[in-house]
Amino acid sequence: MRLAQKYSSRLILILTLTLLTLPHLASVFAGPVTSFYFHDNSQLTFSYPSFQLGNFQVSAIQANQSSSSARIFSSADSNAPTAAGVAVPLSAQISVSGQQSGYAAFVAWVTNPFPSTLTLDGNVTMHVWMGSNASLGFLGGSEFFMGVADYSPTGSGQFQLLDDYLSSAGFGNVLTKSPTEYVEALEINQHQFAQGDRMMFFAGVGSNEQGYAFTIYFDSPMWPSHADIPADPALTLPEFPSAILIVTTALLFSFIPIKRKPDK
């Protein structure tokens, strides 16, 4: 009887320890959806010379607070916007030449660094408010894009594009004149973020006419640009070690060195 009780106690202990340690071995799949809102916070800055990417030649890129074509804001978080908001005007000046020549401009936002290694799996739904009063000339066309990437400032590859969306190209202005919410679904497929990595969200417009002008709106209850991701907003649980432009313009992120500017 005592022997049976002894082994029964050991079995209960083993089962308990197994249940406690099981989360350490599991990946975090799509669960509750958390909205990461895009705010007008401090900005990141980078520069990169012209380079060849496949059959495309991409012009030099400069991103800073005064850039007309590339802006990156830090940081996206789960706090809903309460301020009056910001409207960032952009001009398509990033040249992409090759089989499909054009110009692009974009805005990006990054999350705070993840406190531990985690794997995210599931859909990321982007909600971006954009508008444009631009008039395009004969045979002038445009298309908008969105994407999500892994920004790893301490890793060997600083950017890894996870998924992107490119609208159908068409003649004329792809955006409406008044601010309109554009919603697209992207996918993260069992991607592991290292500790200290950030998730980057970006959106913009490409056109075959240089200087195409448009505006992206965010950080306001009127136009709460954000992304819905399958994750807890805190992402602090240590038991989850496996718990985040034209297409050619998006791909160039993997080659861009970035440094942080002081908060405004």
Protein backbone atom coordinates (compact mmCIF):
# COMPACT_ATOMS: atom_id res chain seq x y z
CA MET A 1 0.00 0.00 0.00
CA ARG A 2 2.77 2.44 0.93
CA LEU A 3 4.65 1.47 -2.22
CA ALA A 4 1.59 2.19 -4.36
CA GLN A 5 1.11 5.56 -2.63
CA LYS A 6 4.79 6.33 -3.18
CA TYR A 7 4.62 5.68 -6.94
CA SER A 8 1.26 7.45 -7.16
CA SER A 9 2.81 10.54 -5.56
CA ARG A 10 5.75 10.38 -7.94
CA LEU A 11 3.40 10.03 -10.91
CA ILE A 12 1.43 13.09 -9.79
CA LEU A 13 4.68 15.02 -9.33
CA ILE A 14 5.91 14.00 -12.80
CA LEU A 15 2.59 14.96 -14.41
CA THR A 16 2.58 18.29 -12.58
CA LEU A 17 6.13 19.10 -13.66
CA THR A 18 5.27 18.06 -17.22
CA LEU A 19 2.27 20.40 -17.30
CA LEU A 20 4.35 23.23 -15.86
CA THR A 21 7.16 22.81 -18.36
CA LEU A 22 5.01 22.05 -21.41
CA PRO A 23 4.58 25.76 -22.30
CA HIS A 24 8.36 26.02 -22.50
CA LEU A 25 8.31 23.56 -25.39
CA ALA A 26 5.33 24.97 -27.28
CA SER A 27 5.01 27.66 -29.88
CA VAL A 28 2.47 30.42 -29.53
CA PHE A 29 -0.08 30.16 -32.32
CA ALA A 30 -2.71 32.67 -33.35
CA GLY A 31 -4.82 33.50 -30.33
CA PRO A 32 -6.28 36.74 -29.04
CA VAL A 33 -5.78 39.61 -31.45
CA THR A 34 -4.07 42.76 -30.19
CA SER A 35 -4.13 46.10 -32.00
CA PHE A 36 -0.82 47.95 -32.29
CA TYR A 37 -1.56 51.60 -33.04
CA PHE A 38 0.80 53.82 -35.02
CA HIS A 39 1.93 56.93 -33.17
CA ASP A 40 3.80 60.13 -33.95
CA ASN A 41 6.75 59.39 -31.69
CA SER A 42 10.52 59.68 -32.11
CA GLN A 43 11.93 58.65 -35.46
CA LEU A 44 14.60 56.33 -36.76
CA THR A 45 16.94 57.49 -39.50
CA PHE A 46 18.89 55.68 -42.19
CA SER A 47 20.65 56.25 -45.49
CA TYR A 48 21.61 53.86 -48.25
CA PRO A 49 23.32 54.46 -51.62
CA SER A 50 21.98 53.27 -54.95
CA PHE A 51 22.21 49.53 -55.47
CA GLN A 52 21.22 46.72 -57.78
CA LEU A 53 18.46 44.35 -56.64
CA GLY A 54 17.80 41.57 -59.13
CA ASN A 55 16.80 43.27 -62.38
CA PHE A 56 16.04 46.54 -60.61
CA GLN A 57 18.19 49.56 -59.82
CA VAL A 58 17.11 51.37 -56.65
CA SER A 59 18.19 54.95 -56.06
CA ALA A 60 19.76 56.28 -52.88
CA ILE A 61 17.38 56.40 -49.91
CA GLN A 62 17.34 58.89 -47.05
CA ALA A 63 14.94 58.63 -44.12
CA ASN A 64 14.79 61.31 -41.43
CA GLN A 65 12.38 63.79 -39.91
CA SER A 66 12.49 66.04 -42.97
CA SER A 67 12.41 63.31 -45.60
CA SER A 68 9.69 63.68 -48.21
CA SER A 69 9.74 60.02 -49.23
CA ALA A 70 10.74 57.81 -46.28
CA ARG A 71 9.74 58.19 -42.62
CA ILE A 72 10.03 55.65 -39.77
CA PHE A 73 8.31 56.25 -36.43
CA SER A 74 8.92 54.57 -33.07
CA SER A 75 7.02 52.97 -31.52
CA ALA A 76 3.77 51.21 -32.31
CA ASP A 77 1.98 50.01 -29.17
CA SER A 78 -1.42 48.86 -27.87
CA ASN A 79 -2.42 52.30 -26.56
CA ALA A 80 -5.27 53.72 -28.61
CA PRO A 81 -4.63 57.26 -29.92
CA THR A 82 -6.14 60.20 -28.03
CA ALA A 83 -4.36 63.15 -29.66
CA ALA A 84 -5.43 65.29 -32.61
CA GLY A 85 -3.42 63.10 -34.95
CA VAL A 86 -0.82 63.74 -37.61
CA ALA A 87 -0.98 63.89 -41.39
CA VAL A 88 2.35 63.09 -43.04
CA PRO A 89 2.63 64.30 -46.67
CA LEU A 90 4.83 62.16 -48.90
CA SER A 91 6.22 62.51 -52.39
CA ALA A 92 7.20 59.49 -54.49
CA GLN A 93 10.90 60.13 -55.11
CA ILE A 94 12.54 56.72 -54.47
CA SER A 95 13.46 55.62 -57.98
CA VAL A 96 13.08 51.97 -58.98
CA SER A 97 14.11 51.30 -62.57
CA GLY A 98 14.18 48.11 -64.57
CA GLN A 99 11.46 45.96 -66.06
CA GLN A 100 8.91 48.12 -64.25
CA SER A 101 10.22 51.61 -63.64
CA GLY A 102 8.57 53.83 -61.06
CA TYR A 103 8.87 55.91 -57.91
CA ALA A 104 7.79 55.16 -54.36
CA ALA A 105 7.41 56.68 -50.90
CA PHE A 106 6.53 55.03 -47.59
CA VAL A 107 6.01 55.42 -43.86
CA ALA A 108 6.97 52.72 -41.33
CA TRP A 109 6.36 52.16 -37.61
CA VAL A 110 8.17 49.81 -35.21
CA THR A 111 7.11 48.23 -31.93
CA ASN A 112 9.11 48.35 -28.71
CA PRO A 113 11.81 45.64 -28.50
CA PHE A 114 10.40 42.24 -27.59
CA PRO A 115 11.53 41.28 -24.06
CA SER A 116 12.02 37.61 -24.92
CA THR A 117 12.28 35.25 -27.85
CA LEU A 118 8.91 34.38 -29.30
CA THR A 119 7.23 32.96 -32.37
CA LEU A 120 4.14 34.54 -33.90
CA ASP A 121 1.87 32.68 -36.26
CA GLY A 122 -1.24 34.00 -37.99
CA ASN A 123 -2.73 36.91 -39.89
CA VAL A 124 -1.68 40.53 -39.46
CA THR A 125 -4.40 42.92 -40.58
CA MET A 126 -3.17 46.38 -41.55
CA HIS A 127 -5.50 49.39 -41.24
CA VAL A 128 -3.93 52.47 -42.83
CA TRP A 129 -5.65 55.79 -43.52
CA MET A 130 -4.45 57.43 -46.73
CA GLY A 131 -5.61 60.04 -49.23
CA SER A 132 -4.39 61.98 -52.24
CA ASN A 133 -5.50 64.90 -54.39
CA ALA A 134 -2.83 64.23 -57.02
CA SER A 135 -3.72 64.38 -60.69
CA LEU A 136 -1.73 62.08 -62.93
CA GLY A 137 -1.02 62.80 -66.57
CA PHE A 138 -1.62 60.69 -69.64
CA LEU A 139 -0.86 57.03 -68.90
CA GLY A 140 0.01 58.00 -65.32
CA GLY A 141 -0.75 55.27 -62.79
CA SER A 142 -0.25 54.30 -59.16
CA GLU A 143 -0.58 51.46 -56.66
CA PHE A 144 -0.37 51.23 -52.87
CA PHE A 145 1.46 48.68 -50.74
CA MET A 146 1.68 47.47 -47.15
CA GLY A 147 4.03 45.10 -45.38
CA VAL A 148 5.35 43.66 -42.14
CA ALA A 149 8.98 42.91 -41.30
CA ASP A 150 11.29 41.77 -38.50
CA TYR A 151 13.63 44.62 -37.48
CA SER A 152 16.63 43.13 -35.69
CA PRO A 153 19.09 45.93 -34.83
CA THR A 154 21.44 43.50 -33.09
CA GLY A 155 21.10 40.64 -35.57
CA SER A 156 23.17 39.78 -38.62
CA GLY A 157 20.32 40.70 -40.94
CA GLN A 158 18.68 43.87 -39.70
CA PHE A 159 15.47 43.45 -41.68
CA GLN A 160 13.55 40.42 -42.82
CA LEU A 161 10.43 40.97 -44.90
CA LEU A 162 7.72 38.63 -43.60
CA ASP A 163 4.87 39.46 -45.96
CA ASP A 164 3.62 42.31 -48.08
CA TYR A 165 0.64 43.35 -50.17
CA LEU A 166 0.71 45.21 -53.48
CA SER A 167 -2.53 46.51 -54.93
CA SER A 168 -3.36 46.19 -58.61
CA ALA A 169 -1.73 48.92 -60.66
CA GLY A 170 -4.13 51.17 -62.48
CA PHE A 171 -4.32 54.41 -64.41
CA GLY A 172 -4.90 57.54 -62.37
CA ASN A 173 -4.86 58.03 -58.61
CA VAL A 174 -5.19 54.81 -56.61
CA LEU A 175 -6.23 56.72 -53.47
CA THR A 176 -9.38 58.68 -52.73
CA LYS A 177 -9.22 62.45 -52.15
CA SER A 178 -10.47 62.32 -48.56
CA PRO A 179 -8.78 60.18 -45.87
CA THR A 180 -9.91 56.58 -46.37
CA GLU A 181 -9.11 53.44 -44.40
CA TYR A 182 -7.36 50.81 -46.49
CA VAL A 183 -7.41 47.33 -44.93
CA GLU A 184 -5.29 44.38 -46.05
CA ALA A 185 -4.45 41.01 -44.50
CA LEU A 186 -0.83 39.86 -44.28
CA GLU A 187 0.52 36.62 -42.83
CA ILE A 188 3.20 35.67 -40.33
CA ASN A 189 4.05 32.00 -40.75
CA GLN A 190 5.68 30.64 -37.60
CA HIS A 191 8.29 33.39 -37.54
CA GLN A 192 10.62 33.58 -34.56
CA PHE A 193 11.62 36.98 -33.24
CA ALA A 194 14.79 37.14 -31.18
CA GLN A 195 14.93 38.98 -27.88
CA GLY A 196 15.35 42.67 -28.64
CA ASP A 197 13.80 42.43 -32.11
CA ARG A 198 10.95 44.73 -33.15
CA MET A 199 8.09 44.27 -35.53
CA MET A 200 7.93 46.82 -38.34
CA PHE A 201 4.79 47.84 -40.23
CA PHE A 202 5.02 49.92 -43.40
CA ALA A 203 2.72 51.40 -46.02
CA GLY A 204 3.09 53.65 -49.04
CA VAL A 205 2.34 54.29 -52.68
CA GLY A 206 4.26 53.77 -55.92
CA SER A 207 3.67 55.59 -59.18
CA ASN A 208 5.16 55.79 -62.64
CA GLU A 209 5.20 59.58 -62.25
CA GLN A 210 7.90 61.11 -60.07
CA GLY A 211 6.60 63.36 -57.30
CA TYR A 212 3.22 61.68 -56.91
CA ALA A 213 1.92 63.21 -53.66
CA PHE A 214 -0.18 61.54 -51.00
CA THR A 215 -0.80 61.73 -47.24
CA ILE A 216 -0.86 59.06 -44.53
CA TYR A 217 -2.96 59.79 -41.43
CA PHE A 218 -2.50 58.26 -37.97
CA ASP A 219 -2.35 58.80 -34.20
CA SER A 220 -5.93 60.10 -33.98
CA PRO A 221 -9.31 58.55 -33.02
CA MET A 222 -10.54 59.91 -36.38
CA TRP A 223 -7.99 57.88 -38.36
CA PRO A 224 -6.51 55.23 -36.02
CA SER A 225 -4.03 53.57 -38.36
CA HIS A 226 -2.96 50.31 -36.74
CA ALA A 227 -2.23 46.62 -37.21
CA ASP A 228 -4.06 43.72 -35.58
CA ILE A 229 -1.63 40.94 -34.66
CA PRO A 230 -2.14 37.52 -32.98
CA ALA A 231 -0.33 38.27 -29.71
CA ASP A 232 -0.48 39.52 -26.16
CA PRO A 233 0.52 43.22 -26.17
CA ALA A 234 2.95 42.74 -23.24
CA LEU A 235 4.82 39.78 -24.75
CA THR A 236 6.69 39.40 -21.48
CA LEU A 237 5.98 35.77 -20.54
CA PRO A 238 9.33 33.96 -20.30
CA GLU A 239 7.63 30.58 -20.69
CA PHE A 240 7.09 31.28 -24.38
CA PRO A 241 10.55 30.98 -25.94
CA SER A 242 8.89 30.31 -29.32
CA ALA A 243 5.91 32.75 -29.00
CA ILE A 244 7.22 39.38 -35.72
CA LEU A 245 6.29 49.30 -52.43
CA ILE A 246 6.44 48.29 -54.89
CA VAL A 247 7.66 44.88 -53.88
CA THR A 248 11.28 45.60 -54.82
CA THR A 249 11.32 48.66 -52.56
CA ALA A 250 10.06 46.56 -49.64
CA LEU A 251 12.79 43.98 -50.21
CA LEU A 252 15.56 46.55 -49.87
CA PHE A 253 14.89 46.78 -46.11
CA SER A 254 17.09 43.74 -45.58
CA PHE A 255 20.12 45.73 -46.67
CA ILE A 256 19.54 49.01 -44.80
CA PRO A 257 21.66 50.00 -41.77
CA ILE A 258 19.70 52.04 -39.22
CA LYS A 259 20.55 54.15 -36.21
CA ARG A 260 18.27 55.70 -33.60
CA LYS A 261 17.65 59.46 -33.34
CA PRO A 262 16.91 61.03 -29.95
CA ASP A 263 13.28 61.50 -28.96
CA LYS A 264 11.68 64.73 -30.08
